[in-house]
């Protein structure tokens, strides 16, 4: 049995990724989500999505999902998000390639020019 809806969705996407279908699986999850607070997902639904996106080996996908192969990865990702204070979508973290300057966090939708300005400032200062 899957522990949480969020964890199950993420684990399923990783399992689809094992077969080169991460983004297709991501998209079908996004397209079929219900509003927050509504439990709509089940193991059968997640396995059905795998078939719909063309996962070639559904038995392998099911074994991956049922075994929680990616549970620790999902937990670690969620902990990192909390540590970084990310609590909105979209949120972008821009990190200087040299690591010498503090990262910049952008919360919300920004035009390309905002990213361009930040990156150029990081590279020139």
PDB file of N, CA and C in Angstrom:
ATOM      1  N   UNK A   1       0.838  -1.178   0.000  1.00  0.00           N
ATOM      2  CA  UNK A   1       0.000   0.000   0.000  1.00  0.00           C
ATOM      3  C   UNK A   1       0.883   1.242   0.000  1.00  0.00           C
ATOM      4  N   UNK A   2       0.501   2.259  -0.765  1.00  0.00           N
ATOM      5  CA  UNK A   2       1.258   3.488  -0.839  1.00  0.00           C
ATOM      6  C   UNK A   2       0.958   4.356   0.364  1.00  0.00           C
ATOM      7  N   UNK A   3       1.997   5.031   0.871  1.00  0.00           N
ATOM      8  CA  UNK A   3       1.863   5.758   2.128  1.00  0.00           C
ATOM      9  C   UNK A   3       1.135   7.083   1.993  1.00  0.00           C
ATOM     10  N   UNK A   4       1.518   7.910   1.042  1.00  0.00           N
ATOM     11  CA  UNK A   4       0.856   9.194   0.865  1.00  0.00           C
ATOM     12  C   UNK A   4       0.666   9.469  -0.610  1.00  0.00           C
ATOM     13  N   UNK A   5      -0.320  10.277  -0.908  1.00  0.00           N
ATOM     14  CA  UNK A   5      -0.590  10.608  -2.294  1.00  0.00           C
ATOM     15  C   UNK A   5       0.600  11.310  -2.931  1.00  0.00           C
ATOM     16  N   UNK A   6       1.158  12.320  -2.261  1.00  0.00           N
ATOM     17  CA  UNK A   6       2.295  13.032  -2.831  1.00  0.00           C
ATOM     18  C   UNK A   6       3.466  12.090  -3.059  1.00  0.00           C
ATOM     19  N   UNK A   7       3.779  11.286  -2.078  1.00  0.00           N
ATOM     20  CA  UNK A   7       4.889  10.365  -2.198  1.00  0.00           C
ATOM     21  C   UNK A   7       4.637   9.350  -3.310  1.00  0.00           C
ATOM     22  N   UNK A   8       3.428   8.839  -3.383  1.00  0.00           N
ATOM     23  CA  UNK A   8       3.096   7.841  -4.397  1.00  0.00           C
ATOM     24  C   UNK A   8       3.253   8.419  -5.796  1.00  0.00           C
ATOM     25  N   UNK A   9       2.779   9.634  -6.011  1.00  0.00           N
ATOM     26  CA  UNK A   9       2.904  10.265  -7.319  1.00  0.00           C
ATOM     27  C   UNK A   9       4.368  10.416  -7.702  1.00  0.00           C
ATOM     28  N   UNK A  10       5.165  10.900  -6.768  1.00  0.00           N
ATOM     29  CA  UNK A  10       6.586  11.117  -7.035  1.00  0.00           C
ATOM     30  C   UNK A  10       7.305   9.806  -7.281  1.00  0.00           C
ATOM     31  N   UNK A  11       7.012   8.813  -6.451  1.00  0.00           N
ATOM     32  CA  UNK A  11       7.641   7.502  -6.639  1.00  0.00           C
ATOM     33  C   UNK A  11       7.279   6.930  -8.007  1.00  0.00           C
ATOM     34  N   UNK A  12       6.032   7.069  -8.397  1.00  0.00           N
ATOM     35  CA  UNK A  12       5.588   6.542  -9.694  1.00  0.00           C
ATOM     36  C   UNK A  12       6.309   7.239 -10.844  1.00  0.00           C
ATOM     37  N   UNK A  13       6.498   8.543 -10.728  1.00  0.00           N
ATOM     38  CA  UNK A  13       7.207   9.274 -11.786  1.00  0.00           C
ATOM     39  C   UNK A  13       8.649   8.783 -11.913  1.00  0.00           C
ATOM     40  N   UNK A  14       9.304   8.556 -10.777  1.00  0.00           N
ATOM     41  CA  UNK A  14      10.659   8.002 -10.829  1.00  0.00           C
ATOM     42  C   UNK A  14      10.657   6.614 -11.470  1.00  0.00           C
ATOM     43  N   UNK A  15       9.681   5.799 -11.126  1.00  0.00           N
ATOM     44  CA  UNK A  15       9.606   4.450 -11.710  1.00  0.00           C
ATOM     45  C   UNK A  15       9.399   4.531 -13.224  1.00  0.00           C
ATOM     46  N   UNK A  16       8.567   5.447 -13.669  1.00  0.00           N
ATOM     47  CA  UNK A  16       8.390   5.644 -15.111  1.00  0.00           C
ATOM     48  C   UNK A  16       9.694   6.127 -15.737  1.00  0.00           C
ATOM     49  N   UNK A  17      10.428   6.947 -14.990  1.00  0.00           N
ATOM     50  CA  UNK A  17      11.714   7.440 -15.478  1.00  0.00           C
ATOM     51  C   UNK A  17      12.720   6.336 -15.720  1.00  0.00           C
ATOM     52  N   UNK A  18      12.609   5.255 -14.968  1.00  0.00           N
ATOM     53  CA  UNK A  18      13.494   4.105 -15.201  1.00  0.00           C
ATOM     54  C   UNK A  18      13.367   3.586 -16.628  1.00  0.00           C
ATOM     55  N   UNK A  19      12.219   3.855 -17.239  1.00  0.00           N
ATOM     56  CA  UNK A  19      11.962   3.377 -18.600  1.00  0.00           C
ATOM     57  C   UNK A  19      11.865   4.543 -19.590  1.00  0.00           C
ATOM     58  N   UNK A  20      12.457   5.679 -19.207  1.00  0.00           N
ATOM     59  CA  UNK A  20      12.508   6.814 -20.119  1.00  0.00           C
ATOM     60  C   UNK A  20      11.211   7.575 -20.283  1.00  0.00           C
ATOM     61  N   UNK A  21      10.300   7.452 -19.320  1.00  0.00           N
ATOM     62  CA  UNK A  21       8.986   8.092 -19.450  1.00  0.00           C
ATOM     63  C   UNK A  21       8.686   9.050 -18.301  1.00  0.00           C
ATOM     64  N   UNK A  22       9.742   9.615 -17.676  1.00  0.00           N
ATOM     65  CA  UNK A  22       9.508  10.500 -16.536  1.00  0.00           C
ATOM     66  C   UNK A  22       8.618  11.678 -16.909  1.00  0.00           C
ATOM     67  N   UNK A  23       8.976  12.410 -17.966  1.00  0.00           N
ATOM     68  CA  UNK A  23       8.231  13.629 -18.292  1.00  0.00           C
ATOM     69  C   UNK A  23       6.833  13.327 -18.793  1.00  0.00           C
ATOM     70  N   UNK A  24       6.679  12.253 -19.541  1.00  0.00           N
ATOM     71  CA  UNK A  24       5.334  11.868 -19.975  1.00  0.00           C
ATOM     72  C   UNK A  24       4.465  11.541 -18.756  1.00  0.00           C
ATOM     73  N   UNK A  25       5.076  10.853 -17.784  1.00  0.00           N
ATOM     74  CA  UNK A  25       4.340  10.498 -16.569  1.00  0.00           C
ATOM     75  C   UNK A  25       4.037  11.746 -15.752  1.00  0.00           C
ATOM     76  N   UNK A  26       5.003  12.622 -15.627  1.00  0.00           N
ATOM     77  CA  UNK A  26       4.796  13.909 -14.956  1.00  0.00           C
ATOM     78  C   UNK A  26       3.589  14.619 -15.567  1.00  0.00           C
ATOM     79  N   UNK A  27       3.556  14.669 -16.891  1.00  0.00           N
ATOM     80  CA  UNK A  27       2.490  15.400 -17.575  1.00  0.00           C
ATOM     81  C   UNK A  27       1.119  14.783 -17.333  1.00  0.00           C
ATOM     82  N   UNK A  28       1.027  13.454 -17.338  1.00  0.00           N
ATOM     83  CA  UNK A  28      -0.272  12.821 -17.116  1.00  0.00           C
ATOM     84  C   UNK A  28      -0.741  13.023 -15.673  1.00  0.00           C
ATOM     85  N   UNK A  29       0.192  13.038 -14.733  1.00  0.00           N
ATOM     86  CA  UNK A  29      -0.177  13.352 -13.350  1.00  0.00           C
ATOM     87  C   UNK A  29      -0.718  14.774 -13.259  1.00  0.00           C
ATOM     88  N   UNK A  30      -0.018  15.700 -13.864  1.00  0.00           N
ATOM     89  CA  UNK A  30      -0.424  17.104 -13.828  1.00  0.00           C
ATOM     90  C   UNK A  30      -1.789  17.288 -14.496  1.00  0.00           C
ATOM     91  N   UNK A  31      -1.976  16.663 -15.649  1.00  0.00           N
ATOM     92  CA  UNK A  31      -3.230  16.812 -16.397  1.00  0.00           C
ATOM     93  C   UNK A  31      -4.425  16.204 -15.682  1.00  0.00           C
ATOM     94  N   UNK A  32      -4.197  15.236 -14.798  1.00  0.00           N
ATOM     95  CA  UNK A  32      -5.304  14.523 -14.150  1.00  0.00           C
ATOM     96  C   UNK A  32      -5.469  14.839 -12.671  1.00  0.00           C
ATOM     97  N   UNK A  33      -4.689  15.767 -12.162  1.00  0.00           N
ATOM     98  CA  UNK A  33      -4.771  16.060 -10.731  1.00  0.00           C
ATOM     99  C   UNK A  33      -6.111  16.702 -10.382  1.00  0.00           C
ATOM    100  N   UNK A  34      -6.501  16.499  -9.176  1.00  0.00           N
ATOM    101  CA  UNK A  34      -7.686  17.160  -8.622  1.00  0.00           C
ATOM    102  C   UNK A  34      -7.217  18.323  -7.768  1.00  0.00           C
ATOM    103  N   UNK A  35      -8.149  19.151  -7.367  1.00  0.00           N
ATOM    104  CA  UNK A  35      -7.755  20.284  -6.523  1.00  0.00           C
ATOM    105  C   UNK A  35      -7.180  19.757  -5.205  1.00  0.00           C
ATOM    106  N   UNK A  36      -6.405  20.593  -4.560  1.00  0.00           N
ATOM    107  CA  UNK A  36      -5.726  20.205  -3.332  1.00  0.00           C
ATOM    108  C   UNK A  36      -6.725  19.728  -2.286  1.00  0.00           C
ATOM    109  N   UNK A  37      -6.361  18.674  -1.579  1.00  0.00           N
ATOM    110  CA  UNK A  37      -7.214  18.135  -0.528  1.00  0.00           C
ATOM    111  C   UNK A  37      -8.124  17.016  -0.999  1.00  0.00           C
ATOM    112  N   UNK A  38      -8.189  16.784  -2.302  1.00  0.00           N
ATOM    113  CA  UNK A  38      -9.024  15.715  -2.846  1.00  0.00           C
ATOM    114  C   UNK A  38      -8.126  14.508  -3.116  1.00  0.00           C
ATOM    115  N   UNK A  39      -8.444  13.396  -2.505  1.00  0.00           N
ATOM    116  CA  UNK A  39      -7.684  12.168  -2.741  1.00  0.00           C
ATOM    117  C   UNK A  39      -8.268  11.487  -3.972  1.00  0.00           C
ATOM    118  N   UNK A  40      -7.496  11.438  -5.013  1.00  0.00           N
ATOM    119  CA  UNK A  40      -7.981  10.901  -6.284  1.00  0.00           C
ATOM    120  C   UNK A  40      -7.114   9.772  -6.809  1.00  0.00           C
ATOM    121  N   UNK A  41      -5.969   9.577  -6.209  1.00  0.00           N
ATOM    122  CA  UNK A  41      -5.021   8.618  -6.747  1.00  0.00           C
ATOM    123  C   UNK A  41      -5.075   7.309  -5.969  1.00  0.00           C
ATOM    124  N   UNK A  42      -4.812   6.244  -6.674  1.00  0.00           N
ATOM    125  CA  UNK A  42      -4.695   4.922  -6.070  1.00  0.00           C
ATOM    126  C   UNK A  42      -3.589   4.183  -6.817  1.00  0.00           C
ATOM    127  N   UNK A  43      -3.182   3.063  -6.281  1.00  0.00           N
ATOM    128  CA  UNK A  43      -2.162   2.261  -6.960  1.00  0.00           C
ATOM    129  C   UNK A  43      -2.626   1.894  -8.361  1.00  0.00           C
ATOM    130  N   UNK A  44      -3.893   1.504  -8.494  1.00  0.00           N
ATOM    131  CA  UNK A  44      -4.411   1.126  -9.816  1.00  0.00           C
ATOM    132  C   UNK A  44      -4.379   2.290 -10.792  1.00  0.00           C
ATOM    133  N   UNK A  45      -4.716   3.486 -10.323  1.00  0.00           N
ATOM    134  CA  UNK A  45      -4.678   4.671 -11.186  1.00  0.00           C
ATOM    135  C   UNK A  45      -3.247   4.933 -11.641  1.00  0.00           C
ATOM    136  N   UNK A  46      -2.298   4.882 -10.711  1.00  0.00           N
ATOM    137  CA  UNK A  46      -0.904   5.134 -11.064  1.00  0.00           C
ATOM    138  C   UNK A  46      -0.385   4.104 -12.065  1.00  0.00           C
ATOM    139  N   UNK A  47      -0.755   2.868 -11.880  1.00  0.00           N
ATOM    140  CA  UNK A  47      -0.333   1.823 -12.818  1.00  0.00           C
ATOM    141  C   UNK A  47      -1.011   2.001 -14.175  1.00  0.00           C
ATOM    142  N   UNK A  48      -2.257   2.450 -14.161  1.00  0.00           N
ATOM    143  CA  UNK A  48      -2.957   2.739 -15.414  1.00  0.00           C
ATOM    144  C   UNK A  48      -2.300   3.872 -16.184  1.00  0.00           C
ATOM    145  N   UNK A  49      -1.852   4.896 -15.468  1.00  0.00           N
ATOM    146  CA  UNK A  49      -1.147   5.994 -16.116  1.00  0.00           C
ATOM    147  C   UNK A  49       0.115   5.498 -16.805  1.00  0.00           C
ATOM    148  N   UNK A  50       0.807   4.553 -16.183  1.00  0.00           N
ATOM    149  CA  UNK A  50       2.029   4.003 -16.782  1.00  0.00           C
ATOM    150  C   UNK A  50       1.720   3.385 -18.136  1.00  0.00           C
ATOM    151  N   UNK A  51       0.631   2.665 -18.212  1.00  0.00           N
ATOM    152  CA  UNK A  51       0.222   2.069 -19.482  1.00  0.00           C
ATOM    153  C   UNK A  51      -0.108   3.152 -20.496  1.00  0.00           C
ATOM    154  N   UNK A  52      -0.840   4.177 -20.045  1.00  0.00           N
ATOM    155  CA  UNK A  52      -1.268   5.252 -20.951  1.00  0.00           C
ATOM    156  C   UNK A  52      -0.090   6.038 -21.527  1.00  0.00           C
ATOM    157  N   UNK A  53       0.993   6.186 -20.782  1.00  0.00           N
ATOM    158  CA  UNK A  53       2.138   6.944 -21.299  1.00  0.00           C
ATOM    159  C   UNK A  53       3.122   6.070 -22.064  1.00  0.00           C
ATOM    160  N   UNK A  54       2.849   4.781 -22.139  1.00  0.00           N
ATOM    161  CA  UNK A  54       3.682   3.899 -22.946  1.00  0.00           C
ATOM    162  C   UNK A  54       4.878   3.303 -22.242  1.00  0.00           C
ATOM    163  N   UNK A  55       4.783   3.163 -20.908  1.00  0.00           N
ATOM    164  CA  UNK A  55       5.844   2.443 -20.196  1.00  0.00           C
ATOM    165  C   UNK A  55       5.897   1.044 -20.791  1.00  0.00           C
ATOM    166  N   UNK A  56       7.081   0.633 -21.240  1.00  0.00           N
ATOM    167  CA  UNK A  56       7.175  -0.611 -22.008  1.00  0.00           C
ATOM    168  C   UNK A  56       7.049  -1.866 -21.158  1.00  0.00           C
ATOM    169  N   UNK A  57       7.504  -1.817 -19.924  1.00  0.00           N
ATOM    170  CA  UNK A  57       7.448  -3.000 -19.068  1.00  0.00           C
ATOM    171  C   UNK A  57       6.618  -2.659 -17.827  1.00  0.00           C
ATOM    172  N   UNK A  58       5.327  -2.926 -17.913  1.00  0.00           N
ATOM    173  CA  UNK A  58       4.436  -2.552 -16.811  1.00  0.00           C
ATOM    174  C   UNK A  58       4.682  -3.401 -15.570  1.00  0.00           C
ATOM    175  N   UNK A  59       5.149  -4.626 -15.744  1.00  0.00           N
ATOM    176  CA  UNK A  59       5.479  -5.450 -14.576  1.00  0.00           C
ATOM    177  C   UNK A  59       6.644  -4.837 -13.800  1.00  0.00           C
ATOM    178  N   UNK A  60       7.651  -4.364 -14.517  1.00  0.00           N
ATOM    179  CA  UNK A  60       8.792  -3.718 -13.877  1.00  0.00           C
ATOM    180  C   UNK A  60       8.349  -2.437 -13.168  1.00  0.00           C
ATOM    181  N   UNK A  61       7.477  -1.668 -13.829  1.00  0.00           N
ATOM    182  CA  UNK A  61       6.941  -0.452 -13.219  1.00  0.00           C
ATOM    183  C   UNK A  61       6.201  -0.794 -11.930  1.00  0.00           C
ATOM    184  N   UNK A  62       5.328  -1.787 -11.981  1.00  0.00           N
ATOM    185  CA  UNK A  62       4.547  -2.180 -10.802  1.00  0.00           C
ATOM    186  C   UNK A  62       5.447  -2.641  -9.667  1.00  0.00           C
ATOM    187  N   UNK A  63       6.459  -3.419  -9.985  1.00  0.00           N
ATOM    188  CA  UNK A  63       7.393  -3.889  -8.954  1.00  0.00           C
ATOM    189  C   UNK A  63       8.125  -2.709  -8.318  1.00  0.00           C
ATOM    190  N   UNK A  64       8.546  -1.765  -9.137  1.00  0.00           N
ATOM    191  CA  UNK A  64       9.237  -0.576  -8.636  1.00  0.00           C
ATOM    192  C   UNK A  64       8.324   0.197  -7.690  1.00  0.00           C
ATOM    193  N   UNK A  65       7.084   0.406  -8.110  1.00  0.00           N
ATOM    194  CA  UNK A  65       6.131   1.174  -7.302  1.00  0.00           C
ATOM    195  C   UNK A  65       5.787   0.437  -6.012  1.00  0.00           C
ATOM    196  N   UNK A  66       5.492  -0.849  -6.117  1.00  0.00           N
ATOM    197  CA  UNK A  66       5.097  -1.630  -4.941  1.00  0.00           C
ATOM    198  C   UNK A  66       6.224  -1.778  -3.923  1.00  0.00           C
ATOM    199  N   UNK A  67       7.467  -1.766  -4.396  1.00  0.00           N
ATOM    200  CA  UNK A  67       8.618  -1.939  -3.494  1.00  0.00           C
ATOM    201  C   UNK A  67       9.084  -0.622  -2.876  1.00  0.00           C
ATOM    202  N   UNK A  68       8.519   0.484  -3.350  1.00  0.00           N
ATOM    203  CA  UNK A  68       8.921   1.820  -2.867  1.00  0.00           C
ATOM    204  C   UNK A  68      10.407   2.070  -3.119  1.00  0.00           C
ATOM    205  N   UNK A  69      10.861   1.647  -4.280  1.00  0.00           N
ATOM    206  CA  UNK A  69      12.262   1.791  -4.669  1.00  0.00           C
ATOM    207  C   UNK A  69      12.769   3.226  -4.481  1.00  0.00           C
ATOM    208  N   UNK A  70      11.930   4.209  -4.749  1.00  0.00           N
ATOM    209  CA  UNK A  70      12.354   5.612  -4.703  1.00  0.00           C
ATOM    210  C   UNK A  70      11.843   6.372  -3.481  1.00  0.00           C
ATOM    211  N   UNK A  71      11.344   5.662  -2.492  1.00  0.00           N
ATOM    212  CA  UNK A  71      10.805   6.323  -1.302  1.00  0.00           C
ATOM    213  C   UNK A  71      11.858   7.206  -0.626  1.00  0.00           C
ATOM    214  N   UNK A  72      13.070   6.705  -0.437  1.00  0.00           N
ATOM    215  CA  UNK A  72      14.093   7.493   0.253  1.00  0.00           C
ATOM    216  C   UNK A  72      14.492   8.718  -0.572  1.00  0.00           C
ATOM    217  N   UNK A  73      14.477   8.595  -1.887  1.00  0.00           N
ATOM    218  CA  UNK A  73      14.784   9.736  -2.758  1.00  0.00           C
ATOM    219  C   UNK A  73      13.720  10.813  -2.614  1.00  0.00           C
ATOM    220  N   UNK A  74      12.462  10.402  -2.602  1.00  0.00           N
ATOM    221  CA  UNK A  74      11.356  11.352  -2.469  1.00  0.00           C
ATOM    222  C   UNK A  74      11.402  12.036  -1.102  1.00  0.00           C
ATOM    223  N   UNK A  75      11.672  11.279  -0.062  1.00  0.00           N
ATOM    224  CA  UNK A  75      11.772  11.855   1.282  1.00  0.00           C
ATOM    225  C   UNK A  75      12.912  12.866   1.336  1.00  0.00           C
ATOM    226  N   UNK A  76      14.062  12.509   0.779  1.00  0.00           N
ATOM    227  CA  UNK A  76      15.214  13.425   0.770  1.00  0.00           C
ATOM    228  C   UNK A  76      14.890  14.697  -0.012  1.00  0.00           C
ATOM    229  N   UNK A  77      14.214  14.562  -1.139  1.00  0.00           N
ATOM    230  CA  UNK A  77      13.824  15.742  -1.925  1.00  0.00           C
ATOM    231  C   UNK A  77      12.885  16.642  -1.132  1.00  0.00           C
ATOM    232  N   UNK A  78      11.911  16.044  -0.458  1.00  0.00           N
ATOM    233  CA  UNK A  78      10.964  16.829   0.338  1.00  0.00           C
ATOM    234  C   UNK A  78      11.665  17.543   1.494  1.00  0.00           C
ATOM    235  N   UNK A  79      12.626  16.889   2.114  1.00  0.00           N
ATOM    236  CA  UNK A  79      13.389  17.521   3.193  1.00  0.00           C
ATOM    237  C   UNK A  79      14.204  18.694   2.666  1.00  0.00           C
ATOM    238  N   UNK A  80      14.804  18.533   1.502  1.00  0.00           N
ATOM    239  CA  UNK A  80      15.571  19.621   0.901  1.00  0.00           C
ATOM    240  C   UNK A  80      14.669  20.821   0.600  1.00  0.00           C
ATOM    241  N   UNK A  81      13.494  20.557   0.082  1.00  0.00           N
ATOM    242  CA  UNK A  81      12.539  21.637  -0.204  1.00  0.00           C
ATOM    243  C   UNK A  81      12.201  22.404   1.071  1.00  0.00           C
ATOM    244  N   UNK A  82      11.957  21.682   2.153  1.00  0.00           N
ATOM    245  CA  UNK A  82      11.665  22.343   3.439  1.00  0.00           C
ATOM    246  C   UNK A  82      12.868  23.156   3.923  1.00  0.00           C
ATOM    247  N   UNK A  83      14.066  22.583   3.829  1.00  0.00           N
ATOM    248  CA  UNK A  83      15.277  23.287   4.257  1.00  0.00           C
ATOM    249  C   UNK A  83      15.485  24.579   3.475  1.00  0.00           C
ATOM    250  N   UNK A  84      15.156  24.551   2.197  1.00  0.00           N
ATOM    251  CA  UNK A  84      15.331  25.730   1.344  1.00  0.00           C
ATOM    252  C   UNK A  84      14.190  26.732   1.488  1.00  0.00           C
ATOM    253  N   UNK A  85      13.159  26.355   2.220  1.00  0.00           N
ATOM    254  CA  UNK A  85      12.031  27.266   2.419  1.00  0.00           C
ATOM    255  C   UNK A  85      11.161  27.429   1.188  1.00  0.00           C
ATOM    256  N   UNK A  86      11.131  26.418   0.356  1.00  0.00           N
ATOM    257  CA  UNK A  86      10.306  26.484  -0.849  1.00  0.00           C
ATOM    258  C   UNK A  86       8.901  26.037  -0.480  1.00  0.00           C
ATOM    259  N   UNK A  87       7.953  26.962  -0.674  1.00  0.00           N
ATOM    260  CA  UNK A  87       6.571  26.644  -0.310  1.00  0.00           C
ATOM    261  C   UNK A  87       5.572  27.158  -1.342  1.00  0.00           C
ATOM    262  N   UNK A  88       6.056  27.416  -2.544  1.00  0.00           N
ATOM    263  CA  UNK A  88       5.172  27.909  -3.594  1.00  0.00           C
ATOM    264  C   UNK A  88       5.649  27.390  -4.944  1.00  0.00           C
ATOM    265  N   UNK A  89       4.720  27.356  -5.874  1.00  0.00           N
ATOM    266  CA  UNK A  89       5.030  26.952  -7.236  1.00  0.00           C
ATOM    267  C   UNK A  89       4.619  28.079  -8.163  1.00  0.00           C
ATOM    268  N   UNK A  90       5.495  28.498  -9.039  1.00  0.00           N
ATOM    269  CA  UNK A  90       6.868  28.020  -9.193  1.00  0.00           C
ATOM    270  C   UNK A  90       7.823  28.741  -8.251  1.00  0.00           C
ATOM    271  N   UNK A  91       8.890  28.079  -7.916  1.00  0.00           N
ATOM    272  CA  UNK A  91      10.007  28.667  -7.183  1.00  0.00           C
ATOM    273  C   UNK A  91      11.284  28.246  -7.892  1.00  0.00           C
ATOM    274  N   UNK A  92      12.154  29.194  -8.094  1.00  0.00           N
ATOM    275  CA  UNK A  92      13.422  28.939  -8.769  1.00  0.00           C
ATOM    276  C   UNK A  92      14.561  29.311  -7.835  1.00  0.00           C
ATOM    277  N   UNK A  93      15.571  28.478  -7.787  1.00  0.00           N
ATOM    278  CA  UNK A  93      16.794  28.756  -7.042  1.00  0.00           C
ATOM    279  C   UNK A  93      17.904  28.899  -8.084  1.00  0.00           C
ATOM    280  N   UNK A  94      18.503  30.070  -8.132  1.00  0.00           N
ATOM    281  CA  UNK A  94      19.588  30.312  -9.084  1.00  0.00           C
ATOM    282  C   UNK A  94      20.887  30.315  -8.294  1.00  0.00           C
ATOM    283  N   UNK A  95      21.768  29.406  -8.674  1.00  0.00           N
ATOM    284  CA  UNK A  95      23.024  29.202  -7.950  1.00  0.00           C
ATOM    285  C   UNK A  95      24.183  29.617  -8.843  1.00  0.00           C
ATOM    286  N   UNK A  96      25.053  30.435  -8.309  1.00  0.00           N
ATOM    287  CA  UNK A  96      26.247  30.849  -9.026  1.00  0.00           C
ATOM    288  C   UNK A  96      27.110  29.625  -9.290  1.00  0.00           C
ATOM    289  N   UNK A  97      27.595  29.455 -10.515  1.00  0.00           N
ATOM    290  CA  UNK A  97      28.386  28.262 -10.818  1.00  0.00           C
ATOM    291  C   UNK A  97      29.653  28.130  -9.973  1.00  0.00           C
ATOM    292  N   UNK A  98      30.182  29.238  -9.504  1.00  0.00           N
ATOM    293  CA  UNK A  98      31.401  29.168  -8.690  1.00  0.00           C
ATOM    294  C   UNK A  98      31.080  28.813  -7.242  1.00  0.00           C
ATOM    295  N   UNK A  99      29.817  28.995  -6.850  1.00  0.00           N
ATOM    296  CA  UNK A  99      29.420  28.709  -5.482  1.00  0.00           C
ATOM    297  C   UNK A  99      29.865  29.767  -4.495  1.00  0.00           C
ATOM    298  N   UNK A 100      30.428  30.858  -4.983  1.00  0.00           N
ATOM    299  CA  UNK A 100      30.970  31.902  -4.114  1.00  0.00           C
ATOM    300  C   UNK A 100      29.914  32.879  -3.614  1.00  0.00           C
ATOM    301  N   UNK A 101      28.808  32.966  -4.278  1.00  0.00           N
ATOM    302  CA  UNK A 101      27.766  33.917  -3.900  1.00  0.00           C
ATOM    303  C   UNK A 101      26.533  33.159  -3.437  1.00  0.00           C
ATOM    304  N   UNK A 102      25.728  33.841  -2.631  1.00  0.00           N
ATOM    305  CA  UNK A 102      24.498  33.224  -2.146  1.00  0.00           C
ATOM    306  C   UNK A 102      23.533  32.965  -3.294  1.00  0.00           C
ATOM    307  N   UNK A 103      22.811  31.863  -3.227  1.00  0.00           N
ATOM    308  CA  UNK A 103      21.790  31.607  -4.242  1.00  0.00           C
ATOM    309  C   UNK A 103      20.691  32.664  -4.170  1.00  0.00           C
ATOM    310  N   UNK A 104      20.008  32.842  -5.273  1.00  0.00           N
ATOM    311  CA  UNK A 104      18.878  33.762  -5.339  1.00  0.00           C
ATOM    312  C   UNK A 104      17.614  32.927  -5.527  1.00  0.00           C
ATOM    313  N   UNK A 105      16.621  33.214  -4.707  1.00  0.00           N
ATOM    314  CA  UNK A 105      15.345  32.495  -4.801  1.00  0.00           C
ATOM    315  C   UNK A 105      14.305  33.429  -5.410  1.00  0.00           C
ATOM    316  N   UNK A 106      13.674  32.967  -6.485  1.00  0.00           N
ATOM    317  CA  UNK A 106      12.574  33.689  -7.110  1.00  0.00           C
ATOM    318  C   UNK A 106      11.298  32.884  -6.892  1.00  0.00           C
ATOM    319  N   UNK A 107      10.323  33.497  -6.259  1.00  0.00           N
ATOM    320  CA  UNK A 107       9.048  32.837  -6.003  1.00  0.00           C
ATOM    321  C   UNK A 107       8.005  33.483  -6.898  1.00  0.00           C
ATOM    322  N   UNK A 108       7.378  32.662  -7.726  1.00  0.00           N
ATOM    323  CA  UNK A 108       6.354  33.169  -8.628  1.00  0.00           C
ATOM    324  C   UNK A 108       6.819  33.127 -10.072  1.00  0.00           C
ATOM    325  N   UNK A 109       5.952  33.600 -10.945  1.00  0.00           N
ATOM    326  CA  UNK A 109       6.249  33.616 -12.373  1.00  0.00           C
ATOM    327  C   UNK A 109       7.002  34.896 -12.717  1.00  0.00           C
ATOM    328  N   UNK A 110       8.154  34.747 -13.319  1.00  0.00           N
ATOM    329  CA  UNK A 110       8.984  35.882 -13.711  1.00  0.00           C
ATOM    330  C   UNK A 110       9.283  35.795 -15.193  1.00  0.00           C
ATOM    331  N   UNK A 111       9.462  36.943 -15.839  1.00  0.00           N
ATOM    332  CA  UNK A 111       9.847  36.916 -17.256  1.00  0.00           C
ATOM    333  C   UNK A 111      11.318  36.530 -17.400  1.00  0.00           C
ATOM    334  N   UNK A 112      11.676  36.158 -18.588  1.00  0.00           N
ATOM    335  CA  UNK A 112      13.057  35.788 -18.883  1.00  0.00           C
ATOM    336  C   UNK A 112      14.034  36.862 -18.430  1.00  0.00           C
ATOM    337  N   UNK A 113      13.660  38.125 -18.608  1.00  0.00           N
ATOM    338  CA  UNK A 113      14.567  39.231 -18.287  1.00  0.00           C
ATOM    339  C   UNK A 113      15.007  39.208 -16.817  1.00  0.00           C
ATOM    340  N   UNK A 114      14.152  38.768 -15.910  1.00  0.00           N
ATOM    341  CA  UNK A 114      14.522  38.685 -14.491  1.00  0.00           C
ATOM    342  C   UNK A 114      15.633  37.656 -14.289  1.00  0.00           C
ATOM    343  N   UNK A 115      15.503  36.510 -14.933  1.00  0.00           N
ATOM    344  CA  UNK A 115      16.534  35.474 -14.833  1.00  0.00           C
ATOM    345  C   UNK A 115      17.836  35.960 -15.470  1.00  0.00           C
ATOM    346  N   UNK A 116      17.719  36.585 -16.617  1.00  0.00           N
ATOM    347  CA  UNK A 116      18.875  37.097 -17.334  1.00  0.00           C
ATOM    348  C   UNK A 116      19.641  38.103 -16.474  1.00  0.00           C
ATOM    349  N   UNK A 117      18.923  39.006 -15.826  1.00  0.00           N
ATOM    350  CA  UNK A 117      19.558  40.012 -14.969  1.00  0.00           C
ATOM    351  C   UNK A 117      20.297  39.357 -13.808  1.00  0.00           C
ATOM    352  N   UNK A 118      19.661  38.429 -13.136  1.00  0.00           N
ATOM    353  CA  UNK A 118      20.280  37.764 -11.981  1.00  0.00           C
ATOM    354  C   UNK A 118      21.517  36.983 -12.399  1.00  0.00           C
ATOM    355  N   UNK A 119      21.412  36.223 -13.464  1.00  0.00           N
ATOM    356  CA  UNK A 119      22.545  35.421 -13.923  1.00  0.00           C
ATOM    357  C   UNK A 119      23.700  36.332 -14.328  1.00  0.00           C
ATOM    358  N   UNK A 120      23.403  37.388 -15.053  1.00  0.00           N
ATOM    359  CA  UNK A 120      24.472  38.295 -15.469  1.00  0.00           C
ATOM    360  C   UNK A 120      25.127  38.986 -14.288  1.00  0.00           C
ATOM    361  N   UNK A 121      24.334  39.337 -13.277  1.00  0.00           N
ATOM    362  CA  UNK A 121      24.902  39.936 -12.063  1.00  0.00           C
ATOM    363  C   UNK A 121      25.820  38.946 -11.360  1.00  0.00           C
ATOM    364  N   UNK A 122      25.410  37.700 -11.299  1.00  0.00           N
ATOM    365  CA  UNK A 122      26.233  36.688 -10.644  1.00  0.00           C
ATOM    366  C   UNK A 122      27.553  36.481 -11.388  1.00  0.00           C
ATOM    367  N   UNK A 123      27.497  36.542 -12.691  1.00  0.00           N
ATOM    368  CA  UNK A 123      28.687  36.261 -13.484  1.00  0.00           C
ATOM    369  C   UNK A 123      29.646  37.443 -13.550  1.00  0.00           C
ATOM    370  N   UNK A 124      29.155  38.658 -13.345  1.00  0.00           N
ATOM    371  CA  UNK A 124      30.011  39.829 -13.489  1.00  0.00           C
ATOM    372  C   UNK A 124      30.484  40.430 -12.191  1.00  0.00           C
ATOM    373  N   UNK A 125      29.833  40.108 -11.085  1.00  0.00           N
ATOM    374  CA  UNK A 125      30.256  40.748  -9.833  1.00  0.00           C
ATOM    375  C   UNK A 125      31.104  39.836  -8.975  1.00  0.00           C
TER     376      UNK A 125
END
